[in-house]
């Protein structure tokens, strides 16, 4: 899976909050792969209108490569000559997600 990171700047009107201009300042992409596992656990059945009630538990871990990006305050403009300097950050893009869900069949 390919992930895309980007930093953009937009200018909005102070009178009606409409966007006047937008620019992408920096972008990068990274590859990601991983695996997941889950359990579907029956909690109860025959609960009036609810036929069966389940607890769905899932976990996913995605291994990601490094990506470069900008954070708030990473764009600096030299007041003397107007040149723009980017303080580029770099980090791994690993991601762990955990999902808990209750499923009810009526």
N, C-alpha and C. Protein backbone atom coordinates (compact mmCIF):
# COMPACT_ATOMS: atom_id res chain seq x y z
N UNK A 1 0.85 -1.16 0.00
CA UNK A 1 0.00 0.00 0.00
C UNK A 1 0.90 1.23 0.00
N UNK A 2 0.53 2.21 -0.76
CA UNK A 2 1.28 3.45 -0.82
C UNK A 2 0.56 4.52 -0.02
N UNK A 3 1.30 5.21 0.85
CA UNK A 3 0.74 6.32 1.63
C UNK A 3 1.34 7.62 1.12
N UNK A 4 0.54 8.65 1.02
CA UNK A 4 1.00 9.95 0.55
C UNK A 4 0.86 10.96 1.68
N UNK A 5 1.96 11.66 1.96
CA UNK A 5 1.98 12.72 2.96
C UNK A 5 2.15 14.04 2.22
N UNK A 6 1.41 15.07 2.63
CA UNK A 6 1.60 16.37 2.01
C UNK A 6 1.27 17.47 3.01
N UNK A 7 1.89 18.61 2.80
CA UNK A 7 1.64 19.80 3.59
C UNK A 7 1.14 20.87 2.63
N UNK A 8 0.03 21.48 2.95
CA UNK A 8 -0.51 22.52 2.08
C UNK A 8 -0.82 23.77 2.90
N UNK A 9 -0.84 24.88 2.20
CA UNK A 9 -1.19 26.16 2.80
C UNK A 9 -2.39 26.71 2.06
N UNK A 10 -3.35 27.24 2.80
CA UNK A 10 -4.48 27.89 2.14
C UNK A 10 -4.73 29.25 2.77
N UNK A 11 -5.28 30.14 1.95
CA UNK A 11 -5.62 31.49 2.39
C UNK A 11 -7.12 31.63 2.29
N UNK A 12 -7.74 32.08 3.40
CA UNK A 12 -9.19 32.26 3.43
C UNK A 12 -9.54 33.72 3.67
N UNK A 13 -10.66 34.13 3.13
CA UNK A 13 -11.17 35.48 3.35
C UNK A 13 -11.61 35.62 4.80
N UNK A 14 -11.28 36.73 5.42
CA UNK A 14 -11.70 36.92 6.81
C UNK A 14 -13.16 37.33 6.92
N UNK A 15 -13.79 37.70 5.80
CA UNK A 15 -15.19 38.12 5.85
C UNK A 15 -16.16 36.94 5.73
N UNK A 16 -15.88 36.00 4.82
CA UNK A 16 -16.83 34.90 4.63
C UNK A 16 -16.18 33.51 4.68
N UNK A 17 -14.93 33.42 5.09
CA UNK A 17 -14.19 32.17 5.24
C UNK A 17 -14.10 31.35 3.96
N UNK A 18 -14.25 31.99 2.80
CA UNK A 18 -14.07 31.29 1.53
C UNK A 18 -12.58 31.18 1.22
N UNK A 19 -12.21 30.05 0.65
CA UNK A 19 -10.81 29.84 0.28
C UNK A 19 -10.46 30.71 -0.93
N UNK A 20 -9.37 31.47 -0.81
CA UNK A 20 -8.92 32.34 -1.89
C UNK A 20 -7.82 31.63 -2.70
N UNK A 21 -6.90 30.96 -2.01
CA UNK A 21 -5.78 30.29 -2.69
C UNK A 21 -5.33 29.09 -1.87
N UNK A 22 -4.75 28.10 -2.55
CA UNK A 22 -4.21 26.91 -1.89
C UNK A 22 -2.95 26.48 -2.64
N UNK A 23 -1.96 26.02 -1.88
CA UNK A 23 -0.71 25.56 -2.48
C UNK A 23 -0.19 24.37 -1.69
N UNK A 24 0.32 23.36 -2.39
CA UNK A 24 0.99 22.23 -1.73
C UNK A 24 2.45 22.60 -1.59
N UNK A 25 2.94 22.66 -0.33
CA UNK A 25 4.30 23.09 -0.06
C UNK A 25 5.31 21.95 -0.13
N UNK A 26 4.87 20.75 0.22
CA UNK A 26 5.82 19.63 0.32
C UNK A 26 5.02 18.34 0.26
N UNK A 27 5.57 17.32 -0.40
CA UNK A 27 4.90 16.02 -0.41
C UNK A 27 5.91 14.89 -0.49
N UNK A 28 5.50 13.72 -0.05
CA UNK A 28 6.33 12.52 -0.06
C UNK A 28 5.41 11.32 -0.04
N UNK A 29 5.92 10.17 -0.41
CA UNK A 29 5.14 8.94 -0.33
C UNK A 29 5.97 7.86 0.34
N UNK A 30 5.30 6.87 0.87
CA UNK A 30 5.97 5.77 1.54
C UNK A 30 5.20 4.49 1.28
N UNK A 31 5.89 3.37 1.38
CA UNK A 31 5.25 2.06 1.20
C UNK A 31 4.92 1.48 2.55
N UNK A 32 3.88 0.69 2.60
CA UNK A 32 3.42 0.11 3.85
C UNK A 32 2.94 -1.31 3.60
N UNK A 33 3.21 -2.20 4.55
CA UNK A 33 2.72 -3.57 4.49
C UNK A 33 2.50 -4.04 5.92
N UNK A 34 1.71 -5.07 6.09
CA UNK A 34 1.47 -5.53 7.45
C UNK A 34 0.49 -6.67 7.50
N UNK A 35 -0.06 -6.86 8.66
CA UNK A 35 -1.00 -7.95 8.87
C UNK A 35 -2.01 -7.59 9.93
N UNK A 36 -3.04 -8.42 10.00
CA UNK A 36 -4.09 -8.17 10.99
C UNK A 36 -4.66 -9.50 11.47
N UNK A 37 -5.32 -9.41 12.61
CA UNK A 37 -5.99 -10.58 13.19
C UNK A 37 -7.21 -10.08 13.96
N UNK A 38 -8.16 -10.96 14.14
CA UNK A 38 -9.35 -10.56 14.85
C UNK A 38 -10.11 -11.73 15.43
N UNK A 39 -11.02 -11.42 16.33
CA UNK A 39 -11.89 -12.41 16.96
C UNK A 39 -13.33 -11.92 16.91
N UNK A 40 -14.24 -12.83 16.66
CA UNK A 40 -15.66 -12.54 16.73
C UNK A 40 -16.21 -13.41 17.86
N UNK A 41 -16.61 -12.78 18.94
CA UNK A 41 -17.02 -13.49 20.16
C UNK A 41 -18.52 -13.32 20.35
N UNK A 42 -19.23 -14.44 20.45
CA UNK A 42 -20.68 -14.37 20.70
C UNK A 42 -20.89 -14.03 22.17
N UNK A 43 -21.61 -12.93 22.40
CA UNK A 43 -21.90 -12.50 23.77
C UNK A 43 -23.22 -13.04 24.28
N UNK A 44 -24.24 -13.03 23.43
CA UNK A 44 -25.57 -13.49 23.87
C UNK A 44 -26.44 -13.74 22.66
N UNK A 45 -27.52 -14.49 22.88
CA UNK A 45 -28.52 -14.64 21.83
C UNK A 45 -29.90 -14.73 22.47
N UNK A 46 -30.91 -14.38 21.67
CA UNK A 46 -32.29 -14.41 22.17
C UNK A 46 -32.58 -13.31 23.17
N UNK A 47 -32.10 -12.09 22.90
CA UNK A 47 -32.33 -10.96 23.80
C UNK A 47 -33.49 -10.09 23.30
N UNK A 48 -34.67 -10.63 23.27
CA UNK A 48 -35.82 -9.86 22.78
C UNK A 48 -35.72 -9.65 21.28
N UNK A 49 -35.65 -8.38 20.86
CA UNK A 49 -35.55 -8.05 19.44
C UNK A 49 -34.19 -8.39 18.85
N UNK A 50 -33.17 -8.51 19.68
CA UNK A 50 -31.82 -8.83 19.21
C UNK A 50 -31.67 -10.35 19.17
N UNK A 51 -31.44 -10.86 17.94
CA UNK A 51 -31.27 -12.30 17.79
C UNK A 51 -29.95 -12.79 18.36
N UNK A 52 -28.85 -12.19 17.93
CA UNK A 52 -27.51 -12.56 18.39
C UNK A 52 -26.70 -11.29 18.59
N UNK A 53 -25.87 -11.26 19.64
CA UNK A 53 -25.00 -10.12 19.95
C UNK A 53 -23.56 -10.60 19.98
N UNK A 54 -22.68 -9.94 19.20
CA UNK A 54 -21.28 -10.32 19.10
C UNK A 54 -20.38 -9.15 19.51
N UNK A 55 -19.18 -9.49 19.99
CA UNK A 55 -18.11 -8.53 20.19
C UNK A 55 -17.07 -8.82 19.11
N UNK A 56 -16.74 -7.82 18.30
CA UNK A 56 -15.77 -7.95 17.22
C UNK A 56 -14.51 -7.20 17.63
N UNK A 57 -13.38 -7.90 17.76
CA UNK A 57 -12.11 -7.32 18.18
C UNK A 57 -11.10 -7.56 17.08
N UNK A 58 -10.45 -6.48 16.59
CA UNK A 58 -9.47 -6.60 15.52
C UNK A 58 -8.25 -5.75 15.84
N UNK A 59 -7.09 -6.21 15.38
CA UNK A 59 -5.85 -5.44 15.50
C UNK A 59 -5.12 -5.53 14.17
N UNK A 60 -4.54 -4.40 13.76
CA UNK A 60 -3.77 -4.36 12.50
C UNK A 60 -2.48 -3.61 12.76
N UNK A 61 -1.37 -4.18 12.31
CA UNK A 61 -0.08 -3.50 12.40
C UNK A 61 0.47 -3.33 10.99
N UNK A 62 0.77 -2.08 10.65
CA UNK A 62 1.32 -1.77 9.33
C UNK A 62 2.75 -1.27 9.51
N UNK A 63 3.69 -1.95 8.84
CA UNK A 63 5.08 -1.53 8.83
C UNK A 63 5.23 -0.51 7.70
N UNK A 64 5.76 0.65 8.01
CA UNK A 64 5.92 1.68 6.99
C UNK A 64 7.37 2.11 6.86
N UNK A 65 7.73 2.57 5.68
CA UNK A 65 9.07 3.11 5.48
C UNK A 65 9.10 4.55 6.00
N UNK A 66 10.24 5.23 5.87
CA UNK A 66 10.35 6.60 6.35
C UNK A 66 9.73 7.58 5.35
N UNK A 67 9.17 8.64 5.89
CA UNK A 67 8.61 9.70 5.05
C UNK A 67 9.12 11.05 5.56
N UNK A 68 9.24 11.98 4.63
CA UNK A 68 9.60 13.34 4.98
C UNK A 68 8.35 14.20 4.93
N UNK A 69 8.25 15.15 5.86
CA UNK A 69 7.06 15.99 5.94
C UNK A 69 7.40 17.29 6.66
N UNK A 70 6.48 18.22 6.60
CA UNK A 70 6.60 19.48 7.32
C UNK A 70 5.58 19.53 8.43
N UNK A 71 5.92 20.17 9.52
CA UNK A 71 4.99 20.38 10.63
C UNK A 71 4.72 21.88 10.76
N UNK A 72 3.80 22.24 11.61
CA UNK A 72 3.52 23.65 11.83
C UNK A 72 4.80 24.36 12.26
N UNK A 73 5.12 25.45 11.63
CA UNK A 73 6.33 26.20 11.92
C UNK A 73 7.55 25.75 11.13
N UNK A 74 7.40 24.78 10.22
CA UNK A 74 8.53 24.27 9.44
C UNK A 74 8.87 25.13 8.23
N UNK A 75 8.03 26.09 7.88
CA UNK A 75 8.29 26.96 6.74
C UNK A 75 8.72 28.32 7.28
N UNK A 76 9.93 28.72 6.93
CA UNK A 76 10.46 30.00 7.40
C UNK A 76 10.86 30.86 6.22
N UNK A 77 10.51 32.13 6.27
CA UNK A 77 10.85 33.08 5.21
C UNK A 77 11.87 34.06 5.75
N UNK A 78 13.01 34.19 5.05
CA UNK A 78 14.04 35.15 5.42
C UNK A 78 13.52 36.55 5.12
N UNK A 79 13.41 37.38 6.14
CA UNK A 79 12.84 38.73 5.98
C UNK A 79 13.74 39.65 5.16
N UNK A 80 15.04 39.33 5.09
CA UNK A 80 15.97 40.20 4.35
C UNK A 80 15.87 40.01 2.84
N UNK A 81 15.83 38.74 2.38
CA UNK A 81 15.83 38.51 0.93
C UNK A 81 14.62 37.72 0.43
N UNK A 82 13.73 37.33 1.30
CA UNK A 82 12.50 36.65 0.89
C UNK A 82 12.64 35.19 0.53
N UNK A 83 13.81 34.59 0.78
CA UNK A 83 13.97 33.17 0.46
C UNK A 83 13.22 32.32 1.48
N UNK A 84 12.73 31.18 1.02
CA UNK A 84 11.96 30.27 1.86
C UNK A 84 12.84 29.10 2.26
N UNK A 85 12.82 28.75 3.55
CA UNK A 85 13.58 27.61 4.07
C UNK A 85 12.61 26.62 4.71
N UNK A 86 12.74 25.36 4.35
CA UNK A 86 11.89 24.30 4.89
C UNK A 86 12.68 23.48 5.90
N UNK A 87 12.18 23.34 7.12
CA UNK A 87 12.75 22.44 8.12
C UNK A 87 12.04 21.11 7.99
N UNK A 88 12.61 20.22 7.18
CA UNK A 88 11.98 18.95 6.84
C UNK A 88 12.18 17.95 7.98
N UNK A 89 11.10 17.32 8.40
CA UNK A 89 11.14 16.28 9.43
C UNK A 89 11.08 14.92 8.75
N UNK A 90 11.61 13.90 9.42
CA UNK A 90 11.61 12.54 8.87
C UNK A 90 11.27 11.57 9.99
N UNK A 91 10.39 10.62 9.70
CA UNK A 91 10.08 9.61 10.71
C UNK A 91 9.52 8.36 10.03
N UNK A 92 9.49 7.28 10.78
CA UNK A 92 8.89 6.03 10.31
C UNK A 92 7.38 6.20 10.30
N UNK A 93 6.71 5.39 9.50
CA UNK A 93 5.25 5.51 9.37
C UNK A 93 4.54 4.24 9.82
N UNK A 94 5.11 3.54 10.81
CA UNK A 94 4.43 2.36 11.36
C UNK A 94 3.12 2.78 12.02
N UNK A 95 2.13 1.88 11.96
CA UNK A 95 0.81 2.23 12.49
C UNK A 95 0.16 0.99 13.09
N UNK A 96 -0.32 1.12 14.33
CA UNK A 96 -1.09 0.07 14.99
C UNK A 96 -2.50 0.59 15.20
N UNK A 97 -3.50 -0.15 14.72
CA UNK A 97 -4.89 0.21 14.96
C UNK A 97 -5.60 -0.94 15.66
N UNK A 98 -6.47 -0.60 16.59
CA UNK A 98 -7.26 -1.58 17.32
C UNK A 98 -8.73 -1.19 17.15
N UNK A 99 -9.55 -2.15 16.76
CA UNK A 99 -10.97 -1.91 16.51
C UNK A 99 -11.79 -2.77 17.47
N UNK A 100 -12.72 -2.14 18.14
CA UNK A 100 -13.70 -2.85 18.99
C UNK A 100 -15.08 -2.47 18.49
N UNK A 101 -15.91 -3.47 18.30
CA UNK A 101 -17.23 -3.24 17.75
C UNK A 101 -18.22 -4.22 18.35
N UNK A 102 -19.43 -3.76 18.56
CA UNK A 102 -20.51 -4.65 18.98
C UNK A 102 -21.45 -4.81 17.79
N UNK A 103 -21.74 -6.06 17.44
CA UNK A 103 -22.61 -6.36 16.30
C UNK A 103 -23.88 -7.00 16.83
N UNK A 104 -25.02 -6.48 16.39
CA UNK A 104 -26.31 -7.01 16.81
C UNK A 104 -27.10 -7.42 15.57
N UNK A 105 -27.55 -8.64 15.55
CA UNK A 105 -28.44 -9.12 14.48
C UNK A 105 -29.87 -9.10 14.99
N UNK A 106 -30.75 -8.40 14.26
CA UNK A 106 -32.14 -8.27 14.66
C UNK A 106 -33.00 -9.25 13.89
